[in-house]
Protein backbone atom coordinates (compact mmCIF):
# COMPACT_ATOMS: atom_id res chain seq x y z
CA VAL A 1 6.05 17.15 -16.25
CA ASN A 2 4.92 16.00 -12.83
CA ARG A 3 4.97 17.26 -9.28
CA ASN A 4 5.19 15.40 -6.00
CA VAL A 5 2.95 16.70 -3.25
CA ASN A 6 3.89 15.25 0.12
CA PHE A 7 0.89 16.17 2.26
CA THR A 8 2.53 15.14 5.52
CA ASN A 9 5.95 14.21 6.76
CA SER A 10 4.54 12.63 9.91
CA CYS A 11 5.38 8.93 9.94
CA VAL A 12 5.52 6.08 12.42
CA LYS A 13 7.99 4.09 10.33
CA ARG A 14 11.62 5.18 10.25
CA CYS A 15 12.79 3.92 6.86
CA GLY A 16 16.51 4.09 6.27
CA PHE A 17 16.08 5.73 2.87
CA CYS A 18 13.70 8.50 3.97
CA ALA A 19 15.38 11.72 4.99
CA PHE A 20 12.28 13.85 5.48
CA SER A 21 9.97 11.91 7.82
CA ARG A 22 9.25 13.04 11.35
CA THR A 23 7.37 11.38 14.16
CA GLY A 24 3.95 12.73 15.00
CA ILE A 25 5.39 14.58 17.97
CA ASP A 26 8.34 16.25 16.23
CA GLU A 27 8.14 20.03 16.02
CA GLU A 28 8.95 19.78 12.30
CA ALA A 29 6.02 17.47 11.51
CA TYR A 30 3.42 18.99 9.18
CA PHE A 31 0.07 18.11 7.65
CA LEU A 32 -0.96 20.17 4.63
CA PRO A 33 -4.61 21.19 4.50
CA ILE A 34 -6.44 20.22 1.31
CA LYS A 35 -6.58 23.88 0.31
CA GLU A 36 -2.76 24.00 0.24
CA ILE A 37 -2.53 20.70 -1.62
CA LEU A 38 -4.85 22.12 -4.28
CA ARG A 39 -2.82 25.33 -4.47
CA ARG A 40 0.30 23.28 -5.21
CA VAL A 41 -1.56 21.16 -7.75
CA GLY A 42 -2.84 24.27 -9.51
CA GLU A 43 0.63 25.79 -9.55
CA ALA A 44 2.04 22.62 -11.10
CA VAL A 45 -0.66 22.44 -13.77
CA ASP A 46 -0.10 26.12 -14.61
CA LEU A 47 3.55 25.21 -15.23
CA GLY A 48 2.61 22.33 -17.53
CA ALA A 49 2.28 19.32 -15.21
CA THR A 50 0.30 16.42 -16.62
CA GLU A 51 0.76 14.17 -13.58
CA ILE A 52 0.43 14.80 -9.86
CA CYS A 53 2.10 12.37 -7.47
CA VAL A 54 0.66 12.37 -3.95
CA GLN A 55 2.42 10.52 -1.19
CA ALA A 56 3.32 10.85 2.42
CA GLY A 57 4.47 8.97 5.43
CA LEU A 58 2.49 6.60 7.60
CA ALA A 59 0.89 9.24 9.75
CA PRO A 60 -0.37 8.17 13.16
CA ASN A 61 -4.08 8.66 13.86
CA MET A 62 -4.86 9.81 10.33
CA HIS A 63 -8.46 9.23 9.29
CA PRO A 64 -8.49 6.85 6.30
CA ASP A 65 -11.09 8.99 4.49
CA LEU A 66 -8.41 11.66 4.04
CA TYR A 67 -6.99 9.66 1.11
CA ILE A 68 -10.38 9.73 -0.61
CA ASP A 69 -10.86 13.41 0.23
CA ILE A 70 -7.47 14.37 -1.24
CA ALA A 71 -7.92 12.33 -4.43
CA THR A 72 -11.47 13.59 -4.94
CA ALA A 73 -10.48 17.24 -4.44
CA ILE A 74 -7.60 16.94 -6.93
CA LYS A 75 -9.69 15.21 -9.60
CA GLU A 76 -12.48 17.78 -9.19
CA GLN A 77 -9.98 20.62 -9.69
CA VAL A 78 -8.00 19.06 -12.56
CA PRO A 79 -9.87 16.05 -13.98
CA HIS A 80 -7.59 15.87 -17.04
CA VAL A 81 -4.41 15.39 -15.00
CA HIS A 82 -3.12 11.89 -14.22
CA LEU A 83 -3.15 11.23 -10.48
CA HIS A 84 -0.45 8.87 -9.21
CA ALA A 85 -1.23 8.62 -5.54
CA PHE A 86 -0.47 6.74 -2.34
CA SER A 87 1.64 3.68 -1.76
CA PRO A 88 0.08 0.33 -0.84
CA GLU A 89 1.54 0.67 2.64
CA GLU A 90 -0.19 4.02 3.14
CA ILE A 91 -3.58 2.58 2.23
CA LEU A 92 -3.24 -0.62 4.25
């Protein structure tokens, strides 16, 4: 069992296959705080998840340390769960 946690839908790239992304100025754009990401992770693990997938769009002006902060927080909360996180394009 796994769960996808999309921590933001804000994205500068308008891929043809992505139906959920919004630009950074759209009213529907969101950025989940780490506390909410961890709540969703905990909920998934309580339901039997053994893998957490974390991905998002290419958010404008996002501090690159946020990737480290998210991964660290998840592994501290559930070190036994496999973390499948971030696409190469997000990191670069």
